Amino acid sequence: MDFSMRCWKNVVSALLCAALVCGCAGGAAQLRVRNAQLANGVLTAQLQWQPNDTVLDALDHGIALEFLLRVRAYGPARLGWHSTLARADRHIELRYFPLSRYYQLLDLDRHQSRGFPARASALAAFEDIRIPLSTWNAAEADRYRLDVAIDRKTLPGVLRMSSLVRPAWWLHSDAYTWPAGN
């Protein structure tokens, strides 16, 4: 078999694998920001998360799920470019302690936690986030942006590798943007 035929077969194989992976993505858990506002240095966001069985199974077996919330403030556009006036990255962890049957939502940056006796309560608290941003200074902002994603780097080793190819772990919201003053 000549070189060009082998290259062609490799390209076709790669396309088939990509199509298979994309086809599996339909079962991925959904994460989105429904609403957000920033007032007096406090970010309030309502999320919608539909975790699938794979993610819930990991959580129920004591695997901590860490989420990264990225908040950005942008100034008015100059020559078509919005400058970043302020930024804040916050880490929120959702975990379950199987022995005590206790769920915890932890703000890793402020070292504050809230406990819940049921998974539904913990998930509801995660979907209704209030985060003080103590060093936030964006008085001249004309719009804000928030996106939320699971931090797959914090998963245990074997699960981290599997999260690269399993759509269940591709949790990332689209950016939610809103005007300042709302």
N, C-alpha and C. Protein backbone atom coordinates (compact mmCIF):
# COMPACT_ATOMS: atom_id res chain seq x y z
N MET A 1 0.85 -1.16 0.00
CA MET A 1 0.00 0.00 0.00
C MET A 1 0.90 1.23 0.00
N ASP A 2 0.61 2.16 -0.85
CA ASP A 2 1.47 3.34 -0.94
C ASP A 2 1.13 4.36 0.15
N PHE A 3 2.01 5.33 0.29
CA PHE A 3 1.92 6.32 1.37
C PHE A 3 0.63 7.14 1.30
N SER A 4 0.21 7.56 0.12
CA SER A 4 -0.98 8.41 0.00
C SER A 4 -2.24 7.65 0.41
N MET A 5 -2.30 6.36 0.12
CA MET A 5 -3.46 5.56 0.50
C MET A 5 -3.53 5.42 2.03
N ARG A 6 -2.38 5.22 2.69
CA ARG A 6 -2.36 5.12 4.15
C ARG A 6 -2.78 6.44 4.79
N CYS A 7 -2.31 7.56 4.22
CA CYS A 7 -2.70 8.87 4.75
C CYS A 7 -4.20 9.08 4.62
N TRP A 8 -4.75 8.68 3.47
CA TRP A 8 -6.18 8.83 3.24
C TRP A 8 -6.97 8.00 4.26
N LYS A 9 -6.54 6.78 4.53
CA LYS A 9 -7.21 5.93 5.51
C LYS A 9 -7.13 6.53 6.91
N ASN A 10 -6.00 7.13 7.25
CA ASN A 10 -5.85 7.77 8.56
C ASN A 10 -6.80 8.96 8.69
N VAL A 11 -6.95 9.75 7.62
CA VAL A 11 -7.85 10.89 7.65
C VAL A 11 -9.29 10.43 7.83
N VAL A 12 -9.69 9.40 7.08
CA VAL A 12 -11.05 8.87 7.19
C VAL A 12 -11.28 8.31 8.60
N SER A 13 -10.32 7.59 9.14
CA SER A 13 -10.46 7.06 10.50
C SER A 13 -10.60 8.17 11.52
N ALA A 14 -9.82 9.22 11.38
CA ALA A 14 -9.90 10.35 12.31
C ALA A 14 -11.26 11.03 12.22
N LEU A 15 -11.79 11.19 11.02
CA LEU A 15 -13.11 11.81 10.85
C LEU A 15 -14.21 10.94 11.46
N LEU A 16 -14.11 9.64 11.29
CA LEU A 16 -15.10 8.75 11.88
C LEU A 16 -15.06 8.80 13.40
N CYS A 17 -13.86 8.83 13.97
CA CYS A 17 -13.72 8.93 15.43
C CYS A 17 -14.29 10.26 15.93
N ALA A 18 -14.02 11.34 15.21
CA ALA A 18 -14.55 12.64 15.61
C ALA A 18 -16.07 12.65 15.54
N ALA A 19 -16.64 12.04 14.51
CA ALA A 19 -18.09 11.96 14.38
C ALA A 19 -18.69 11.14 15.52
N LEU A 20 -18.02 10.08 15.91
CA LEU A 20 -18.49 9.24 17.00
C LEU A 20 -18.49 10.02 18.31
N VAL A 21 -17.41 10.74 18.58
CA VAL A 21 -17.32 11.53 19.80
C VAL A 21 -18.39 12.62 19.81
N CYS A 22 -18.60 13.30 18.69
CA CYS A 22 -19.62 14.34 18.62
C CYS A 22 -21.01 13.74 18.79
N GLY A 23 -21.22 12.56 18.26
CA GLY A 23 -22.51 11.90 18.41
C GLY A 23 -22.80 11.54 19.84
N CYS A 24 -21.76 11.24 20.61
CA CYS A 24 -21.94 10.89 22.03
C CYS A 24 -22.18 12.13 22.88
N ALA A 25 -21.84 13.30 22.36
CA ALA A 25 -21.94 14.52 23.15
C ALA A 25 -23.38 14.89 23.47
N GLY A 26 -24.35 14.31 22.76
CA GLY A 26 -25.74 14.63 23.02
C GLY A 26 -26.16 14.26 24.43
N GLY A 27 -25.52 13.28 25.05
CA GLY A 27 -25.87 12.86 26.40
C GLY A 27 -25.11 13.61 27.47
N ALA A 28 -24.36 14.62 27.09
CA ALA A 28 -23.55 15.36 28.05
C ALA A 28 -24.45 16.16 29.00
N ALA A 29 -23.96 16.33 30.21
CA ALA A 29 -24.68 17.14 31.18
C ALA A 29 -24.70 18.58 30.71
N GLN A 30 -25.77 19.27 31.01
CA GLN A 30 -25.93 20.65 30.59
C GLN A 30 -25.65 21.59 31.76
N LEU A 31 -24.95 22.67 31.49
CA LEU A 31 -24.67 23.69 32.49
C LEU A 31 -24.81 25.04 31.81
N ARG A 32 -25.65 25.90 32.37
CA ARG A 32 -25.79 27.22 31.78
C ARG A 32 -26.12 28.25 32.85
N VAL A 33 -25.81 29.49 32.56
CA VAL A 33 -26.14 30.61 33.44
C VAL A 33 -27.49 31.16 32.97
N ARG A 34 -28.49 31.10 33.83
CA ARG A 34 -29.81 31.61 33.48
C ARG A 34 -29.91 33.11 33.71
N ASN A 35 -29.26 33.60 34.77
CA ASN A 35 -29.34 35.01 35.11
C ASN A 35 -28.17 35.35 36.02
N ALA A 36 -27.72 36.58 35.96
CA ALA A 36 -26.65 37.03 36.85
C ALA A 36 -26.75 38.53 37.03
N GLN A 37 -26.31 38.99 38.18
CA GLN A 37 -26.21 40.42 38.42
C GLN A 37 -25.11 40.66 39.44
N LEU A 38 -24.60 41.87 39.38
CA LEU A 38 -23.53 42.26 40.27
C LEU A 38 -23.92 43.57 40.92
N ALA A 39 -24.06 43.56 42.23
CA ALA A 39 -24.46 44.77 42.95
C ALA A 39 -23.70 44.83 44.27
N ASN A 40 -23.13 45.99 44.56
CA ASN A 40 -22.41 46.22 45.81
C ASN A 40 -21.33 45.17 46.07
N GLY A 41 -20.64 44.75 45.02
CA GLY A 41 -19.56 43.79 45.16
C GLY A 41 -19.99 42.36 45.41
N VAL A 42 -21.26 42.05 45.17
CA VAL A 42 -21.75 40.69 45.35
C VAL A 42 -22.31 40.18 44.03
N LEU A 43 -21.79 39.06 43.59
CA LEU A 43 -22.29 38.41 42.38
C LEU A 43 -23.41 37.46 42.79
N THR A 44 -24.55 37.61 42.15
CA THR A 44 -25.68 36.70 42.35
C THR A 44 -25.96 36.07 41.00
N ALA A 45 -25.95 34.75 40.96
CA ALA A 45 -26.16 34.05 39.69
C ALA A 45 -27.10 32.87 39.89
N GLN A 46 -27.97 32.70 38.93
CA GLN A 46 -28.84 31.53 38.91
C GLN A 46 -28.36 30.63 37.76
N LEU A 47 -27.97 29.43 38.12
CA LEU A 47 -27.47 28.47 37.15
C LEU A 47 -28.52 27.42 36.88
N GLN A 48 -28.36 26.74 35.78
CA GLN A 48 -29.18 25.57 35.49
C GLN A 48 -28.21 24.45 35.15
N TRP A 49 -28.27 23.38 35.95
CA TRP A 49 -27.37 22.26 35.74
C TRP A 49 -28.17 20.99 35.75
N GLN A 50 -28.01 20.22 34.71
CA GLN A 50 -28.66 18.92 34.60
C GLN A 50 -27.57 17.86 34.57
N PRO A 51 -27.04 17.50 35.74
CA PRO A 51 -25.95 16.52 35.76
C PRO A 51 -26.45 15.15 35.31
N ASN A 52 -25.61 14.45 34.59
CA ASN A 52 -26.02 13.11 34.17
C ASN A 52 -25.59 12.09 35.22
N ASP A 53 -25.94 10.84 34.98
CA ASP A 53 -25.68 9.78 35.97
C ASP A 53 -24.20 9.58 36.24
N THR A 54 -23.34 9.78 35.25
CA THR A 54 -21.90 9.59 35.44
C THR A 54 -21.35 10.57 36.47
N VAL A 55 -21.72 11.84 36.33
CA VAL A 55 -21.24 12.87 37.25
C VAL A 55 -21.85 12.67 38.65
N LEU A 56 -23.13 12.36 38.70
CA LEU A 56 -23.77 12.13 40.00
C LEU A 56 -23.20 10.91 40.69
N ASP A 57 -22.87 9.87 39.94
CA ASP A 57 -22.27 8.67 40.52
C ASP A 57 -20.90 9.00 41.12
N ALA A 58 -20.11 9.80 40.41
CA ALA A 58 -18.81 10.20 40.95
C ALA A 58 -18.99 11.00 42.24
N LEU A 59 -19.93 11.95 42.22
CA LEU A 59 -20.19 12.76 43.41
C LEU A 59 -20.63 11.88 44.58
N ASP A 60 -21.53 10.95 44.31
CA ASP A 60 -22.05 10.08 45.38
C ASP A 60 -21.01 9.08 45.90
N HIS A 61 -19.90 8.94 45.19
CA HIS A 61 -18.82 8.08 45.68
C HIS A 61 -17.67 8.89 46.28
N GLY A 62 -17.96 10.15 46.60
CA GLY A 62 -16.98 10.96 47.31
C GLY A 62 -16.02 11.74 46.44
N ILE A 63 -16.23 11.78 45.13
CA ILE A 63 -15.36 12.57 44.25
C ILE A 63 -15.81 14.03 44.32
N ALA A 64 -14.91 14.92 44.72
CA ALA A 64 -15.24 16.35 44.80
C ALA A 64 -15.29 16.93 43.39
N LEU A 65 -16.30 17.75 43.14
CA LEU A 65 -16.45 18.43 41.86
C LEU A 65 -16.15 19.91 42.08
N GLU A 66 -15.08 20.38 41.45
CA GLU A 66 -14.71 21.78 41.60
C GLU A 66 -15.10 22.54 40.35
N PHE A 67 -15.76 23.68 40.55
CA PHE A 67 -16.21 24.52 39.45
C PHE A 67 -15.47 25.84 39.51
N LEU A 68 -15.16 26.37 38.34
CA LEU A 68 -14.50 27.66 38.22
C LEU A 68 -15.50 28.66 37.67
N LEU A 69 -15.75 29.73 38.42
CA LEU A 69 -16.62 30.81 37.97
C LEU A 69 -15.72 31.97 37.59
N ARG A 70 -15.85 32.44 36.36
CA ARG A 70 -15.03 33.55 35.88
C ARG A 70 -15.93 34.75 35.62
N VAL A 71 -15.64 35.84 36.33
CA VAL A 71 -16.40 37.08 36.18
C VAL A 71 -15.47 38.12 35.58
N ARG A 72 -15.98 38.83 34.59
CA ARG A 72 -15.19 39.88 33.94
C ARG A 72 -16.04 41.13 33.80
N ALA A 73 -15.42 42.30 33.97
CA ALA A 73 -16.07 43.60 33.74
C ALA A 73 -15.36 44.25 32.57
N TYR A 74 -16.13 44.74 31.62
CA TYR A 74 -15.57 45.35 30.42
C TYR A 74 -15.99 46.81 30.34
N GLY A 75 -15.06 47.64 29.87
CA GLY A 75 -15.34 49.05 29.67
C GLY A 75 -16.00 49.29 28.33
N PRO A 76 -16.39 50.54 28.08
CA PRO A 76 -17.00 50.88 26.79
C PRO A 76 -16.04 50.55 25.63
N ALA A 77 -16.62 50.24 24.49
CA ALA A 77 -15.81 49.86 23.32
C ALA A 77 -15.07 51.09 22.77
N ARG A 78 -13.81 50.86 22.49
CA ARG A 78 -12.98 51.88 21.83
C ARG A 78 -12.34 51.21 20.63
N LEU A 79 -12.66 51.72 19.46
CA LEU A 79 -12.18 51.14 18.20
C LEU A 79 -12.58 49.67 18.09
N GLY A 80 -13.77 49.35 18.59
CA GLY A 80 -14.28 47.99 18.48
C GLY A 80 -13.73 47.02 19.52
N TRP A 81 -12.97 47.50 20.48
CA TRP A 81 -12.35 46.64 21.47
C TRP A 81 -12.82 47.04 22.86
N HIS A 82 -13.27 46.06 23.64
CA HIS A 82 -13.68 46.30 25.02
C HIS A 82 -12.52 45.96 25.94
N SER A 83 -12.09 46.90 26.75
CA SER A 83 -10.99 46.63 27.68
C SER A 83 -11.54 45.97 28.95
N THR A 84 -10.75 45.08 29.51
CA THR A 84 -11.13 44.40 30.75
C THR A 84 -10.76 45.30 31.92
N LEU A 85 -11.76 45.71 32.69
CA LEU A 85 -11.54 46.59 33.83
C LEU A 85 -11.30 45.83 35.12
N ALA A 86 -11.96 44.69 35.26
CA ALA A 86 -11.81 43.88 36.48
C ALA A 86 -12.08 42.43 36.13
N ARG A 87 -11.46 41.55 36.89
CA ARG A 87 -11.66 40.11 36.70
C ARG A 87 -11.58 39.43 38.05
N ALA A 88 -12.34 38.35 38.15
CA ALA A 88 -12.31 37.55 39.36
C ALA A 88 -12.59 36.10 38.98
N ASP A 89 -11.78 35.20 39.48
CA ASP A 89 -11.99 33.76 39.30
C ASP A 89 -12.27 33.20 40.68
N ARG A 90 -13.39 32.49 40.80
CA ARG A 90 -13.76 31.89 42.08
C ARG A 90 -13.92 30.40 41.91
N HIS A 91 -13.53 29.66 42.93
CA HIS A 91 -13.57 28.20 42.91
C HIS A 91 -14.61 27.72 43.91
N ILE A 92 -15.59 26.98 43.40
CA ILE A 92 -16.66 26.42 44.22
C ILE A 92 -16.58 24.90 44.13
N GLU A 93 -16.60 24.24 45.27
CA GLU A 93 -16.50 22.79 45.29
C GLU A 93 -17.79 22.18 45.84
N LEU A 94 -18.25 21.16 45.15
CA LEU A 94 -19.41 20.39 45.59
C LEU A 94 -18.91 19.00 45.91
N ARG A 95 -19.19 18.53 47.12
CA ARG A 95 -18.69 17.20 47.50
C ARG A 95 -19.67 16.49 48.42
N TYR A 96 -19.46 15.19 48.51
CA TYR A 96 -20.30 14.34 49.34
C TYR A 96 -19.39 13.50 50.22
N PHE A 97 -19.78 13.36 51.48
CA PHE A 97 -19.05 12.53 52.43
C PHE A 97 -19.89 11.28 52.67
N PRO A 98 -19.56 10.16 52.02
CA PRO A 98 -20.40 8.95 52.11
C PRO A 98 -20.60 8.42 53.52
N LEU A 99 -19.60 8.49 54.37
CA LEU A 99 -19.75 7.93 55.71
C LEU A 99 -20.76 8.70 56.56
N SER A 100 -20.75 10.01 56.43
CA SER A 100 -21.69 10.82 57.22
C SER A 100 -22.95 11.18 56.43
N ARG A 101 -22.98 10.81 55.15
CA ARG A 101 -24.12 11.12 54.27
C ARG A 101 -24.44 12.59 54.30
N TYR A 102 -23.42 13.37 54.00
CA TYR A 102 -23.48 14.82 54.14
C TYR A 102 -22.90 15.46 52.87
N TYR A 103 -23.63 16.39 52.28
CA TYR A 103 -23.16 17.13 51.11
C TYR A 103 -22.64 18.48 51.56
N GLN A 104 -21.65 18.97 50.83
CA GLN A 104 -21.05 20.25 51.20
C GLN A 104 -20.81 21.08 49.94
N LEU A 105 -21.13 22.37 50.05
CA LEU A 105 -20.82 23.35 49.02
C LEU A 105 -19.80 24.29 49.64
N LEU A 106 -18.62 24.35 49.05
CA LEU A 106 -17.50 25.06 49.66
C LEU A 106 -16.96 26.13 48.72
N ASP A 107 -16.86 27.35 49.22
CA ASP A 107 -16.20 28.43 48.50
C ASP A 107 -14.72 28.31 48.85
N LEU A 108 -13.93 27.77 47.95
CA LEU A 108 -12.52 27.49 48.24
C LEU A 108 -11.69 28.75 48.44
N ASP A 109 -12.10 29.86 47.85
CA ASP A 109 -11.34 31.10 47.98
C ASP A 109 -11.58 31.79 49.32
N ARG A 110 -12.76 31.64 49.86
CA ARG A 110 -13.09 32.28 51.14
C ARG A 110 -13.08 31.29 52.29
N HIS A 111 -12.90 30.00 52.00
CA HIS A 111 -12.87 28.95 53.02
C HIS A 111 -14.17 28.94 53.84
N GLN A 112 -15.28 29.07 53.14
CA GLN A 112 -16.59 29.01 53.78
C GLN A 112 -17.38 27.87 53.16
N SER A 113 -18.11 27.16 54.00
CA SER A 113 -18.87 26.03 53.49
C SER A 113 -20.29 26.04 54.04
N ARG A 114 -21.14 25.35 53.31
CA ARG A 114 -22.51 25.12 53.74
C ARG A 114 -22.78 23.63 53.60
N GLY A 115 -23.46 23.05 54.57
CA GLY A 115 -23.74 21.63 54.55
C GLY A 115 -25.20 21.34 54.25
N PHE A 116 -25.44 20.17 53.66
CA PHE A 116 -26.79 19.78 53.25
C PHE A 116 -27.00 18.29 53.51
N PRO A 117 -28.18 17.93 54.02
CA PRO A 117 -28.45 16.52 54.28
C PRO A 117 -28.88 15.74 53.04
N ALA A 118 -29.23 16.45 51.96
CA ALA A 118 -29.71 15.78 50.75
C ALA A 118 -29.05 16.37 49.51
N ARG A 119 -28.84 15.52 48.51
CA ARG A 119 -28.20 15.96 47.26
C ARG A 119 -29.01 17.05 46.58
N ALA A 120 -30.34 16.92 46.57
CA ALA A 120 -31.18 17.92 45.91
C ALA A 120 -30.97 19.31 46.51
N SER A 121 -30.81 19.39 47.82
CA SER A 121 -30.57 20.67 48.49
C SER A 121 -29.22 21.26 48.10
N ALA A 122 -28.21 20.42 48.02
CA ALA A 122 -26.87 20.89 47.63
C ALA A 122 -26.87 21.38 46.18
N LEU A 123 -27.54 20.65 45.30
CA LEU A 123 -27.60 21.06 43.90
C LEU A 123 -28.39 22.36 43.75
N ALA A 124 -29.46 22.51 44.51
CA ALA A 124 -30.23 23.75 44.46
C ALA A 124 -29.40 24.94 44.95
N ALA A 125 -28.61 24.73 45.98
CA ALA A 125 -27.73 25.80 46.48
C ALA A 125 -26.66 26.15 45.45
N PHE A 126 -26.13 25.15 44.76
CA PHE A 126 -25.14 25.41 43.71
C PHE A 126 -25.77 26.22 42.58
N GLU A 127 -27.02 25.95 42.28
CA GLU A 127 -27.69 26.66 41.18
C GLU A 127 -28.09 28.08 41.55
N ASP A 128 -28.00 28.44 42.82
CA ASP A 128 -28.34 29.80 43.28
C ASP A 128 -27.15 30.34 44.07
N ILE A 129 -26.19 30.86 43.36
CA ILE A 129 -24.90 31.27 43.93
C ILE A 129 -24.91 32.75 44.32
N ARG A 130 -24.35 33.04 45.49
CA ARG A 130 -24.09 34.42 45.93
C ARG A 130 -22.63 34.46 46.38
N ILE A 131 -21.84 35.27 45.67
CA ILE A 131 -20.41 35.32 45.97
C ILE A 131 -19.96 36.77 46.16
N PRO A 132 -19.51 37.11 47.36
CA PRO A 132 -18.93 38.44 47.57
C PRO A 132 -17.59 38.54 46.82
N LEU A 133 -17.40 39.63 46.13
CA LEU A 133 -16.13 39.88 45.43
C LEU A 133 -15.48 41.06 46.13
N SER A 134 -14.70 40.77 47.15
CA SER A 134 -14.17 41.80 48.05
C SER A 134 -13.25 42.81 47.36
N THR A 135 -12.49 42.39 46.37
CA THR A 135 -11.55 43.31 45.73
C THR A 135 -12.07 43.84 44.40
N TRP A 136 -13.36 43.70 44.18
CA TRP A 136 -13.94 44.09 42.91
C TRP A 136 -14.00 45.61 42.80
N ASN A 137 -13.49 46.15 41.69
CA ASN A 137 -13.55 47.58 41.45
C ASN A 137 -13.72 47.80 39.96
N ALA A 138 -14.97 47.99 39.54
CA ALA A 138 -15.27 48.18 38.13
C ALA A 138 -16.37 49.22 37.98
N ALA A 139 -16.15 50.39 38.57
CA ALA A 139 -17.17 51.44 38.57
C ALA A 139 -17.52 51.92 37.16
N GLU A 140 -16.57 51.86 36.24
CA GLU A 140 -16.81 52.37 34.89
C GLU A 140 -17.19 51.29 33.89
N ALA A 141 -17.53 50.13 34.37
CA ALA A 141 -17.88 49.02 33.46
C ALA A 141 -19.18 49.32 32.74
N ASP A 142 -19.25 48.86 31.50
CA ASP A 142 -20.52 49.00 30.78
C ASP A 142 -21.18 47.64 30.54
N ARG A 143 -20.44 46.56 30.81
CA ARG A 143 -21.03 45.22 30.74
C ARG A 143 -20.18 44.24 31.54
N TYR A 144 -20.84 43.13 31.92
CA TYR A 144 -20.19 42.07 32.68
C TYR A 144 -20.35 40.74 31.95
N ARG A 145 -19.50 39.82 32.31
CA ARG A 145 -19.56 38.49 31.70
C ARG A 145 -19.26 37.43 32.77
N LEU A 146 -20.02 36.34 32.73
CA LEU A 146 -19.82 35.23 33.66
C LEU A 146 -19.86 33.93 32.87
N ASP A 147 -18.91 33.07 33.14
CA ASP A 147 -19.01 31.69 32.64
C ASP A 147 -18.57 30.74 33.75
N VAL A 148 -19.12 29.54 33.68
CA VAL A 148 -18.92 28.53 34.72
C VAL A 148 -18.48 27.24 34.05
N ALA A 149 -17.49 26.58 34.62
CA ALA A 149 -17.01 25.30 34.07
C ALA A 149 -16.50 24.42 35.19
N ILE A 150 -16.61 23.12 34.97
CA ILE A 150 -15.99 22.20 35.92
C ILE A 150 -14.48 22.24 35.69
N ASP A 151 -13.73 22.21 36.76
CA ASP A 151 -12.27 22.21 36.65
C ASP A 151 -11.81 20.76 36.63
N ARG A 152 -11.65 20.22 35.44
CA ARG A 152 -11.30 18.80 35.30
C ARG A 152 -9.90 18.49 35.82
N LYS A 153 -9.06 19.51 35.95
CA LYS A 153 -7.71 19.27 36.47
C LYS A 153 -7.73 18.84 37.93
N THR A 154 -8.82 19.08 38.63
CA THR A 154 -8.90 18.73 40.05
C THR A 154 -9.46 17.33 40.29
N LEU A 155 -9.89 16.67 39.22
CA LEU A 155 -10.40 15.30 39.37
C LEU A 155 -9.25 14.34 39.64
N PRO A 156 -9.53 13.21 40.29
CA PRO A 156 -8.47 12.21 40.52
C PRO A 156 -7.91 11.73 39.18
N GLY A 157 -6.66 11.27 39.17
CA GLY A 157 -5.91 10.93 37.97
C GLY A 157 -6.63 10.15 36.90
N VAL A 158 -7.14 8.97 37.22
CA VAL A 158 -7.79 8.12 36.22
C VAL A 158 -9.04 8.80 35.69
N LEU A 159 -9.80 9.42 36.56
CA LEU A 159 -11.01 10.11 36.14
C LEU A 159 -10.67 11.33 35.29
N ARG A 160 -9.57 11.99 35.59
CA ARG A 160 -9.13 13.14 34.80
C ARG A 160 -8.85 12.73 33.37
N MET A 161 -8.19 11.60 33.19
CA MET A 161 -7.91 11.10 31.84
C MET A 161 -9.20 10.76 31.11
N SER A 162 -10.10 10.09 31.80
CA SER A 162 -11.37 9.71 31.20
C SER A 162 -12.22 10.93 30.87
N SER A 163 -12.08 12.01 31.64
CA SER A 163 -12.88 13.22 31.41
C SER A 163 -12.51 13.92 30.11
N LEU A 164 -11.36 13.61 29.58
CA LEU A 164 -10.95 14.22 28.31
C LEU A 164 -11.76 13.69 27.13
N VAL A 165 -12.23 12.45 27.23
CA VAL A 165 -12.94 11.84 26.10
C VAL A 165 -14.41 11.54 26.39
N ARG A 166 -14.84 11.69 27.63
CA ARG A 166 -16.24 11.39 27.97
C ARG A 166 -17.05 12.68 28.06
N PRO A 167 -18.04 12.84 27.20
CA PRO A 167 -18.83 14.07 27.17
C PRO A 167 -19.53 14.41 28.49
N ALA A 168 -19.74 13.43 29.34
CA ALA A 168 -20.38 13.69 30.63
C ALA A 168 -19.60 14.72 31.43
N TRP A 169 -18.30 14.83 31.19
CA TRP A 169 -17.44 15.73 31.96
C TRP A 169 -17.17 17.04 31.24
N TRP A 170 -17.75 17.26 30.09
CA TRP A 170 -17.51 18.50 29.35
C TRP A 170 -18.50 19.56 29.81
N LEU A 171 -18.40 19.93 31.05
CA LEU A 171 -19.32 20.89 31.65
C LEU A 171 -18.74 22.30 31.55
N HIS A 172 -19.33 23.09 30.70
CA HIS A 172 -18.91 24.47 30.53
C HIS A 172 -20.10 25.26 30.02
N SER A 173 -20.44 26.31 30.73
CA SER A 173 -21.56 27.14 30.28
C SER A 173 -21.09 28.06 29.16
N ASP A 174 -22.03 28.50 28.38
CA ASP A 174 -21.72 29.59 27.45
C ASP A 174 -21.56 30.85 28.29
N ALA A 175 -20.84 31.82 27.75
CA ALA A 175 -20.65 33.06 28.48
C ALA A 175 -21.99 33.80 28.59
N TYR A 176 -22.29 34.25 29.79
CA TYR A 176 -23.50 35.04 30.02
C TYR A 176 -23.05 36.49 30.19
N THR A 177 -23.54 37.36 29.33
CA THR A 177 -23.15 38.77 29.35
C THR A 177 -24.37 39.62 29.65
N TRP A 178 -24.20 40.64 30.49
CA TRP A 178 -25.30 41.54 30.79
C TRP A 178 -24.75 42.95 30.97
N PRO A 179 -25.61 43.96 30.69
CA PRO A 179 -25.15 45.34 30.81
C PRO A 179 -25.01 45.78 32.26
N ALA A 180 -24.09 46.68 32.50
CA ALA A 180 -23.90 47.21 33.86
C ALA A 180 -25.16 48.00 34.25
N GLY A 181 -25.45 47.98 35.54
CA GLY A 181 -26.62 48.71 36.03
C GLY A 181 -27.88 47.86 36.03
N ASN A 182 -27.82 46.62 35.55
CA ASN A 182 -28.99 45.73 35.57
C ASN A 182 -28.81 44.66 36.58
